[in-house]
Amino acid sequence: MQAPSPKGYALRMSAFFGAFFFPLGIYIPFFAVWLNSLGVEPKEIGLILTIPMATRVIFTPFMAGIADKIGDRRLTLQIYCVVFAVTFAMITISDNLLWIALVMAVSHIAQSAIIPVSDSLAMAGTRRFDLDYGRMRSWGSLAFMVANLIGGVVLDAFGAANIIWVMVIGNMLHIIFSMTLPSDPRLNDNRNLSKGANLNWAQLKQFAQSGFWIILFAASFVQASHSVLYAFATIFWQKIGISANMTGIFWSVSILAEVTLFFYSKKISGRLSWKSLLIVGACLATLRWLLFPLELPVSGYFLLQILHAGSFACTHLGMMFFLTKMVDDELSGTAQGLFTMLTGLLMAIATFLSGYLYSLLEGDAFYIMAGISLFGLVLFLIAPMFSLGHINADTVPLDRD
């Protein structure tokens, strides 16, 4: 029997997701456009966009592990949100490329663990109180969608040079809504904050399972296949004559499709396993990137953006359900951090290469992304051939699944 949830747990998590993803909804489609307005070349844009991803690779496991070590995910998120918002705001001091690169690196040390730790806190509500993770997370997607529309309007009305201010101001929402997060349920387990979870090698070595890592790699490849989309889709659409307002609508359509899937995630999880969700996500990602370079009419890209519900959202939900099923709550922050680290590594490599690919191939660079997502699909299909067991907070023999 599930325990009753603390008052407002789902609402507070939903509000935080909304606050976090609003500025991200400006950053992903329009940060490259801002860099382009400064005269930065595509190869350099790819390099700058790689910096936060590389930072996540290096720091996410450590920063996410801190949340497990001290035992209070809310406190950890509050610290990280303050540091990130303040340091990112310093990007407005100078438009020197080296300064921008330095700010991106420093600010994203703190930002690197916000997503995995907040996902871990939300999934704790799902695990312990039977809350609906998808509905909580959908508010982040809705905020992302609203930001896409606002970004398109700002871009048309005030120009690309001013889009950075929407990101900087939006990041301050992180600080405000981190203060309203629910208490970490682990505090109800009478753990001392100074000790937190008793992480040790005997527990952590359980992550060294080939099946676990193959699934992590597979999902990370599928998510990394979005790199050309995130970095250059807006520039590509503008090149083929699509207006800034319409590109904002395109991004919003993709998030609306994602929100719809998240909203019904609890029902979906009752009918589709995490394995099925991951395979569907990889298949739709491959289809999406194969069609993207064809310079379709507006209606064609409208339909392709709906496939974001499959290429991104199915993969994301599949991984959340996988980690919830396979990893104890006390180690969930570490598990989320490992997945974020690996996704960040592959995304960083793909984004760095996307600058060169787009310079050489322009829209045809999406064909390379189709190959990446197809490789992720192959990994999902062969994963059952390898060992996979439950990862426990207490050191006990592994259960086969």
Protein backbone atom coordinates (compact mmCIF):
# COMPACT_ATOMS: atom_id res chain seq x y z
CA MET A 1 0.00 0.00 0.00
CA GLN A 2 1.36 3.43 -0.99
CA ALA A 3 1.83 6.08 1.73
CA PRO A 4 -0.21 9.29 1.35
CA SER A 5 1.80 11.99 -0.42
CA PRO A 6 2.91 15.13 1.44
CA LYS A 7 0.69 18.13 0.72
CA GLY A 8 1.43 19.71 -2.63
CA TYR A 9 4.29 17.37 -3.56
CA ALA A 10 3.20 17.00 -7.18
CA LEU A 11 2.27 20.68 -7.53
CA ARG A 12 5.62 21.86 -6.18
CA MET A 13 7.55 19.54 -8.44
CA SER A 14 5.44 20.66 -11.41
CA ALA A 15 6.13 24.32 -10.66
CA PHE A 16 9.86 23.69 -10.40
CA PHE A 17 9.96 21.81 -13.70
CA GLY A 18 8.12 24.73 -15.31
CA ALA A 19 10.59 27.24 -13.87
CA PHE A 20 13.58 25.23 -14.99
CA PHE A 21 12.47 24.47 -18.52
CA PHE A 22 11.21 27.97 -19.39
CA PRO A 23 14.69 29.48 -19.97
CA LEU A 24 15.79 26.18 -21.50
CA GLY A 25 13.00 26.70 -24.03
CA ILE A 26 14.77 29.89 -25.10
CA TYR A 27 18.28 28.45 -24.92
CA ILE A 28 17.87 25.34 -27.07
CA PRO A 29 16.26 26.86 -30.18
CA PHE A 30 17.70 30.40 -29.98
CA PHE A 31 21.09 30.44 -28.23
CA ALA A 32 22.80 29.42 -31.48
CA VAL A 33 20.90 32.20 -33.24
CA TRP A 34 22.23 34.69 -30.66
CA LEU A 35 25.77 33.43 -31.20
CA ASN A 36 25.25 33.72 -34.96
CA SER A 37 24.17 37.36 -34.47
CA LEU A 38 27.58 38.00 -32.85
CA GLY A 39 29.27 36.78 -36.02
CA VAL A 40 30.21 33.35 -34.65
CA GLU A 41 30.76 30.75 -37.38
CA PRO A 42 28.89 27.38 -37.37
CA LYS A 43 32.01 25.43 -36.32
CA GLU A 44 32.53 27.80 -33.38
CA ILE A 45 28.82 27.59 -32.50
CA GLY A 46 29.14 23.82 -32.35
CA LEU A 47 32.16 24.21 -30.06
CA ILE A 48 30.39 26.64 -27.70
CA LEU A 49 27.31 24.42 -27.51
CA THR A 50 29.55 21.48 -26.68
CA ILE A 51 30.99 23.14 -23.58
CA PRO A 52 28.00 22.66 -21.22
CA MET A 53 27.63 19.10 -22.44
CA ALA A 54 31.29 18.34 -21.79
CA THR A 55 30.93 19.96 -18.37
CA ARG A 56 28.02 17.65 -17.58
CA VAL A 57 30.10 14.64 -18.55
CA ILE A 58 32.83 15.60 -16.10
CA PHE A 59 30.76 16.92 -13.20
CA THR A 60 27.28 15.35 -13.32
CA PRO A 61 28.11 12.07 -11.50
CA PHE A 62 29.94 13.98 -8.78
CA MET A 63 27.32 16.72 -8.43
CA ALA A 64 24.40 14.26 -8.51
CA GLY A 65 26.22 12.00 -6.05
CA ILE A 66 26.37 14.88 -3.57
CA ALA A 67 22.57 14.84 -3.40
CA ASP A 68 22.66 11.14 -2.48
CA LYS A 69 25.50 11.67 -0.02
CA ILE A 70 23.90 14.48 2.00
CA GLY A 71 20.46 12.89 1.68
CA ASP A 72 18.55 16.10 0.86
CA ARG A 73 17.78 16.63 -2.81
CA ARG A 74 15.80 19.83 -2.18
CA LEU A 75 18.70 21.55 -0.42
CA THR A 76 21.10 20.43 -3.14
CA LEU A 77 18.83 21.79 -5.89
CA GLN A 78 18.49 25.13 -4.11
CA ILE A 79 22.26 25.57 -4.00
CA TYR A 80 22.77 24.52 -7.60
CA CYS A 81 19.99 26.79 -8.91
CA VAL A 82 21.40 29.88 -7.19
CA VAL A 83 24.93 29.24 -8.43
CA PHE A 84 23.82 28.52 -12.00
CA ALA A 85 21.52 31.56 -12.38
CA VAL A 86 24.09 33.99 -10.98
CA THR A 87 27.06 32.69 -12.96
CA PHE A 88 25.16 32.40 -16.27
CA ALA A 89 24.06 36.05 -15.96
CA MET A 90 27.73 37.03 -16.27
CA ILE A 91 27.57 36.09 -19.98
CA THR A 92 26.17 39.58 -20.64
CA ILE A 93 29.40 41.27 -19.51
CA SER A 94 31.23 40.70 -22.80
CA ASP A 95 30.61 39.23 -26.26
CA ASN A 96 34.19 37.95 -26.44
CA LEU A 97 34.13 34.30 -27.51
CA LEU A 98 36.58 33.18 -24.82
CA TRP A 99 34.51 34.92 -22.12
CA ILE A 100 31.31 33.25 -23.36
CA ALA A 101 33.08 29.88 -23.32
CA LEU A 102 34.33 30.44 -19.76
CA VAL A 103 30.89 31.45 -18.47
CA MET A 104 29.30 28.44 -20.13
CA ALA A 105 31.81 26.10 -18.51
CA VAL A 106 31.58 27.55 -14.99
CA SER A 107 27.81 28.00 -14.88
CA HIS A 108 27.07 24.51 -16.15
CA ILE A 109 29.08 22.85 -13.38
CA ALA A 110 26.14 23.70 -11.12
CA GLN A 111 23.51 23.22 -13.83
CA SER A 112 24.80 19.76 -14.73
CA ALA A 113 22.99 17.95 -11.93
CA ILE A 114 19.75 19.95 -11.71
CA ILE A 115 17.89 17.73 -14.17
CA PRO A 116 18.96 14.33 -12.75
CA VAL A 117 18.47 15.39 -9.13
CA SER A 118 15.05 16.94 -9.80
CA ASP A 119 14.05 13.85 -11.80
CA SER A 120 15.21 11.72 -8.87
CA LEU A 121 13.10 13.78 -6.44
CA ALA A 122 10.06 13.53 -8.72
CA MET A 123 10.53 9.78 -9.20
CA ALA A 124 10.74 9.41 -5.41
CA GLY A 125 7.19 10.76 -5.33
CA THR A 126 6.20 8.24 -7.99
CA ARG A 127 7.86 5.37 -6.15
CA ARG A 128 6.68 6.17 -2.63
CA PHE A 129 3.35 7.97 -3.09
CA ASP A 130 2.11 6.67 -6.46
CA LEU A 131 2.30 10.13 -8.03
CA ASP A 132 2.36 10.59 -11.79
CA TYR A 133 5.88 11.53 -12.92
CA GLY A 134 4.73 12.28 -16.46
CA ARG A 135 2.17 14.85 -15.36
CA MET A 136 4.69 16.58 -13.10
CA ARG A 137 7.29 16.65 -15.87
CA SER A 138 4.74 17.80 -18.45
CA TRP A 139 4.62 21.25 -16.82
CA GLY A 140 8.27 21.65 -17.69
CA SER A 141 7.44 20.81 -21.26
CA LEU A 142 4.55 23.28 -21.31
CA ALA A 143 6.84 26.02 -20.00
CA PHE A 144 9.39 25.07 -22.67
CA MET A 145 6.67 25.41 -25.31
CA VAL A 146 5.59 28.84 -24.06
CA ALA A 147 9.23 29.93 -24.09
CA ASN A 148 9.57 28.80 -27.73
CA LEU A 149 6.69 31.08 -28.70
CA ILE A 150 8.00 34.00 -26.66
CA GLY A 151 11.46 33.49 -28.12
CA GLY A 152 10.09 33.64 -31.66
CA VAL A 153 8.23 36.88 -30.88
CA VAL A 154 11.29 38.46 -29.20
CA LEU A 155 13.47 37.41 -32.12
CA ASP A 156 11.13 39.06 -34.65
CA ALA A 157 10.43 42.17 -32.57
CA PHE A 158 13.79 42.95 -30.97
CA GLY A 159 16.36 40.95 -32.94
CA ALA A 160 18.65 38.08 -32.06
CA ALA A 161 21.02 40.28 -30.02
CA ASN A 162 18.40 40.70 -27.27
CA ILE A 163 17.31 37.08 -26.90
CA ILE A 164 20.01 36.48 -24.29
CA TRP A 165 18.19 38.70 -21.78
CA VAL A 166 15.15 36.43 -21.79
CA MET A 167 17.43 33.51 -20.85
CA VAL A 168 19.16 35.44 -18.07
CA ILE A 169 15.91 36.68 -16.51
CA GLY A 170 14.29 33.29 -16.96
CA ASN A 171 17.07 31.58 -15.02
CA MET A 172 16.08 33.58 -11.95
CA LEU A 173 12.91 31.47 -11.85
CA HIS A 174 15.15 28.55 -10.86
CA ILE A 175 16.01 30.28 -7.60
CA ILE A 176 12.43 31.27 -6.76
CA PHE A 177 10.82 27.90 -7.37
CA SER A 178 13.63 25.82 -5.88
CA MET A 179 12.59 27.35 -2.55
CA THR A 180 9.12 25.83 -2.94
CA LEU A 181 10.25 22.26 -3.67
CA PRO A 182 8.83 19.48 -1.46
CA SER A 183 10.97 17.96 1.25
CA ASP A 184 13.08 15.00 0.25
CA PRO A 185 11.15 11.84 1.32
CA ARG A 186 14.45 10.33 2.45
CA LEU A 187 14.40 12.76 5.40
CA ASN A 188 11.37 10.84 6.68
CA ASP A 189 13.58 7.75 6.91
CA ASN A 190 15.35 9.34 9.90
CA ARG A 191 18.66 9.65 8.09
CA ASN A 192 21.23 12.12 9.39
CA LEU A 193 21.86 14.79 6.75
CA SER A 194 25.58 14.69 7.39
CA LYS A 195 25.67 11.00 6.56
CA GLY A 196 22.96 10.50 3.98
CA ALA A 197 22.96 7.29 2.01
CA ASN A 198 25.74 4.92 2.93
CA LEU A 199 27.36 4.81 -0.49
CA ASN A 200 30.23 2.39 -0.79
CA TRP A 201 32.02 0.34 -3.42
CA ALA A 202 30.01 -2.79 -2.66
CA GLN A 203 26.88 -0.88 -3.67
CA LEU A 204 28.30 1.14 -6.53
CA LYS A 205 29.93 -1.86 -8.20
CA GLN A 206 26.41 -3.15 -8.89
CA PHE A 207 26.24 -0.54 -11.64
CA ALA A 208 28.94 -2.52 -13.46
CA GLN A 209 26.45 -4.66 -15.37
CA SER A 210 26.80 -4.96 -19.13
CA GLY A 211 23.03 -4.93 -19.76
CA PHE A 212 22.59 -1.77 -17.67
CA TRP A 213 25.25 0.11 -19.60
CA ILE A 214 24.10 -1.09 -23.02
CA ILE A 215 20.64 0.34 -22.28
CA LEU A 216 22.18 3.59 -21.03
CA PHE A 217 24.33 3.82 -24.17
CA ALA A 218 21.37 3.03 -26.44
CA ALA A 219 19.14 5.73 -24.93
CA SER A 220 22.03 8.20 -24.94
CA PHE A 221 22.66 7.60 -28.65
CA VAL A 222 19.00 8.25 -29.43
CA GLN A 223 19.00 11.47 -27.41
CA ALA A 224 22.33 12.54 -28.93
CA SER A 225 20.81 12.16 -32.39
CA HIS A 226 18.85 15.36 -31.62
CA SER A 227 22.04 17.45 -31.64
CA VAL A 228 21.74 18.86 -35.16
CA LEU A 229 18.07 19.66 -34.48
CA TYR A 230 18.88 21.57 -31.28
CA ALA A 231 21.88 23.40 -32.72
CA PHE A 232 20.87 24.21 -36.28
CA ALA A 233 17.18 23.53 -36.95
CA THR A 234 16.20 27.19 -36.49
CA ILE A 235 19.05 28.31 -38.76
CA PHE A 236 18.10 25.60 -41.30
CA TRP A 237 14.44 26.66 -41.29
CA GLN A 238 15.39 30.30 -41.75
CA LYS A 239 17.64 29.33 -44.68
CA ILE A 240 14.77 27.61 -46.52
CA GLY A 241 12.52 30.65 -45.99
CA ILE A 242 10.53 29.81 -42.86
CA SER A 243 9.88 32.82 -40.58
CA ALA A 244 11.10 33.15 -37.00
CA ASN A 245 7.51 33.12 -35.70
CA MET A 246 6.84 29.86 -37.53
CA THR A 247 10.03 28.27 -36.16
CA GLY A 248 8.81 29.18 -32.69
CA ILE A 249 5.55 27.41 -33.53
CA PHE A 250 7.49 24.38 -34.78
CA TRP A 251 9.34 24.11 -31.47
CA SER A 252 6.09 24.57 -29.57
CA VAL A 253 4.36 21.82 -31.56
CA SER A 254 7.14 19.38 -30.67
CA ILE A 255 6.76 20.19 -26.99
CA LEU A 256 2.97 19.98 -27.11
CA ALA A 257 3.35 16.47 -28.50
CA GLU A 258 5.83 15.69 -25.72
CA VAL A 259 3.48 17.11 -23.06
CA THR A 260 0.61 14.97 -24.35
CA LEU A 261 2.70 11.83 -24.01
CA PHE A 262 3.89 12.82 -20.53
CA PHE A 263 0.33 13.63 -19.45
CA TYR A 264 -0.78 10.10 -20.20
CA SER A 265 2.47 8.46 -19.09
CA LYS A 266 0.89 6.60 -16.18
CA LYS A 267 -1.65 4.95 -18.45
CA ILE A 268 1.02 4.30 -21.05
CA SER A 269 3.30 2.64 -18.48
CA GLY A 270 0.45 0.26 -17.65
CA ARG A 271 0.30 -0.88 -21.27
CA LEU A 272 3.85 -0.50 -22.58
CA SER A 273 7.00 -1.64 -20.82
CA TRP A 274 10.09 0.53 -20.57
CA LYS A 275 11.62 -1.73 -23.22
CA SER A 276 8.80 -1.02 -25.68
CA LEU A 277 8.98 2.72 -25.06
CA LEU A 278 12.72 2.77 -25.77
CA ILE A 279 12.36 0.81 -29.00
CA VAL A 280 9.50 3.02 -30.22
CA GLY A 281 11.56 6.12 -29.43
CA ALA A 282 14.54 4.88 -31.43
CA CYS A 283 12.39 3.92 -34.43
CA LEU A 284 10.61 7.28 -34.59
CA ALA A 285 13.87 9.19 -34.16
CA THR A 286 15.35 7.38 -37.17
CA LEU A 287 12.27 8.12 -39.28
CA ARG A 288 12.28 11.77 -38.23
CA TRP A 289 15.90 12.42 -39.23
CA LEU A 290 15.55 10.60 -42.54
CA LEU A 291 12.72 12.94 -43.57
CA PHE A 292 14.08 16.19 -42.11
CA PRO A 293 16.55 17.19 -44.91
CA LEU A 294 13.93 17.01 -47.67
CA GLU A 295 13.06 20.75 -47.41
CA LEU A 296 9.42 19.95 -46.76
CA PRO A 297 6.54 22.43 -46.79
CA VAL A 298 5.48 23.98 -43.49
CA SER A 299 2.90 21.23 -42.93
CA GLY A 300 5.61 18.59 -43.33
CA TYR A 301 7.79 20.03 -40.59
CA PHE A 302 4.71 20.51 -38.46
CA LEU A 303 4.15 16.73 -38.64
CA LEU A 304 7.84 15.93 -38.09
CA GLN A 305 7.85 18.03 -34.94
CA ILE A 306 4.97 15.96 -33.59
CA LEU A 307 7.34 12.99 -33.76
CA HIS A 308 9.26 14.58 -30.88
CA ALA A 309 6.76 12.74 -28.67
CA GLY A 310 8.43 9.57 -29.91
CA SER A 311 12.07 10.43 -30.57
CA PHE A 312 12.60 12.30 -27.29
CA ALA A 313 9.65 11.71 -24.94
CA CYS A 314 9.31 7.95 -25.40
CA THR A 315 13.04 7.54 -24.87
CA HIS A 316 13.02 9.78 -21.79
CA LEU A 317 10.02 8.06 -20.19
CA GLY A 318 11.41 4.63 -21.00
CA MET A 319 14.63 5.49 -19.17
CA MET A 320 12.81 6.98 -16.17
CA PHE A 321 10.72 3.81 -15.80
CA PHE A 322 13.79 1.65 -16.35
CA LEU A 323 15.79 3.40 -13.61
CA THR A 324 12.83 3.38 -11.23
CA LYS A 325 12.36 -0.36 -11.72
CA MET A 326 16.03 -1.32 -11.59
CA VAL A 327 17.58 1.05 -9.00
CA ASP A 328 16.69 1.63 -5.32
CA ASP A 329 15.64 5.17 -4.36
CA GLU A 330 18.76 5.69 -2.21
CA LEU A 331 20.94 5.29 -5.31
CA SER A 332 18.59 6.96 -7.79
CA GLY A 333 20.48 10.25 -7.86
CA THR A 334 23.67 8.42 -8.74
CA ALA A 335 21.87 6.41 -11.43
CA GLN A 336 20.28 9.51 -12.92
CA GLY A 337 23.68 11.18 -12.84
CA LEU A 338 25.31 8.32 -14.72
CA PHE A 339 22.65 8.47 -17.42
CA THR A 340 22.93 12.25 -17.68
CA MET A 341 26.72 11.99 -17.82
CA LEU A 342 26.63 9.46 -20.65
CA THR A 343 23.97 11.36 -22.57
CA GLY A 344 26.00 14.51 -22.09
CA LEU A 345 29.15 12.81 -23.39
CA LEU A 346 27.52 11.54 -26.57
CA MET A 347 25.54 14.75 -27.03
CA ALA A 348 28.73 16.78 -26.62
CA ILE A 349 30.53 14.75 -29.26
CA ALA A 350 27.55 14.89 -31.63
CA THR A 351 27.06 18.63 -31.09
CA PHE A 352 30.75 19.37 -31.65
CA LEU A 353 30.65 17.37 -34.88
CA SER A 354 27.33 18.94 -35.89
CA GLY A 355 29.07 22.27 -36.46
CA TYR A 356 31.35 20.65 -39.01
CA LEU A 357 28.58 18.48 -40.45
CA TYR A 358 26.25 21.43 -40.94
CA SER A 359 29.05 23.48 -42.52
CA LEU A 360 29.68 20.68 -45.02
CA LEU A 361 26.23 19.16 -45.53
CA GLU A 362 23.70 21.69 -44.22
CA GLY A 363 20.35 19.86 -43.98
CA ASP A 364 21.86 16.55 -45.08
CA ALA A 365 23.58 16.41 -41.68
CA PHE A 366 20.30 14.95 -40.38
CA TYR A 367 21.08 11.73 -42.29
CA ILE A 368 24.07 11.23 -39.97
CA MET A 369 21.71 11.68 -37.01
CA ALA A 370 19.47 8.95 -38.46
CA GLY A 371 22.45 6.61 -38.41
CA ILE A 372 23.12 7.44 -34.75
CA SER A 373 19.54 6.74 -33.65
CA LEU A 374 19.51 3.54 -35.70
CA PHE A 375 22.61 2.38 -33.83
CA GLY A 376 20.76 3.08 -30.56
CA LEU A 377 17.89 0.90 -31.79
CA VAL A 378 20.31 -1.97 -32.50
CA LEU A 379 21.70 -1.68 -28.97
CA PHE A 380 18.18 -1.84 -27.48
CA LEU A 381 17.45 -5.00 -29.47
CA ILE A 382 20.61 -6.80 -28.32
CA ALA A 383 20.43 -5.65 -24.67
CA PRO A 384 18.42 -8.73 -23.48
CA MET A 385 21.43 -10.89 -24.39
CA PHE A 386 23.44 -9.34 -21.52
CA SER A 387 23.25 -9.49 -17.73
CA LEU A 388 20.93 -7.10 -15.89
CA GLY A 389 19.89 -7.17 -12.24
CA HIS A 390 18.28 -4.92 -9.63
CA ILE A 391 20.66 -2.39 -8.09
CA ASN A 392 20.14 -2.32 -4.34
CA ALA A 393 21.02 0.24 -1.68
CA ASP A 394 21.88 -2.67 0.61
CA THR A 395 24.50 -5.05 -0.70
CA VAL A 396 22.71 -8.27 -1.59
CA PRO A 397 23.01 -10.70 -4.49
CA LEU A 398 21.55 -9.38 -7.74
CA ASP A 399 18.10 -10.49 -8.87
CA ARG A 400 17.74 -11.45 -12.46
CA ASP A 401 15.16 -9.56 -14.53
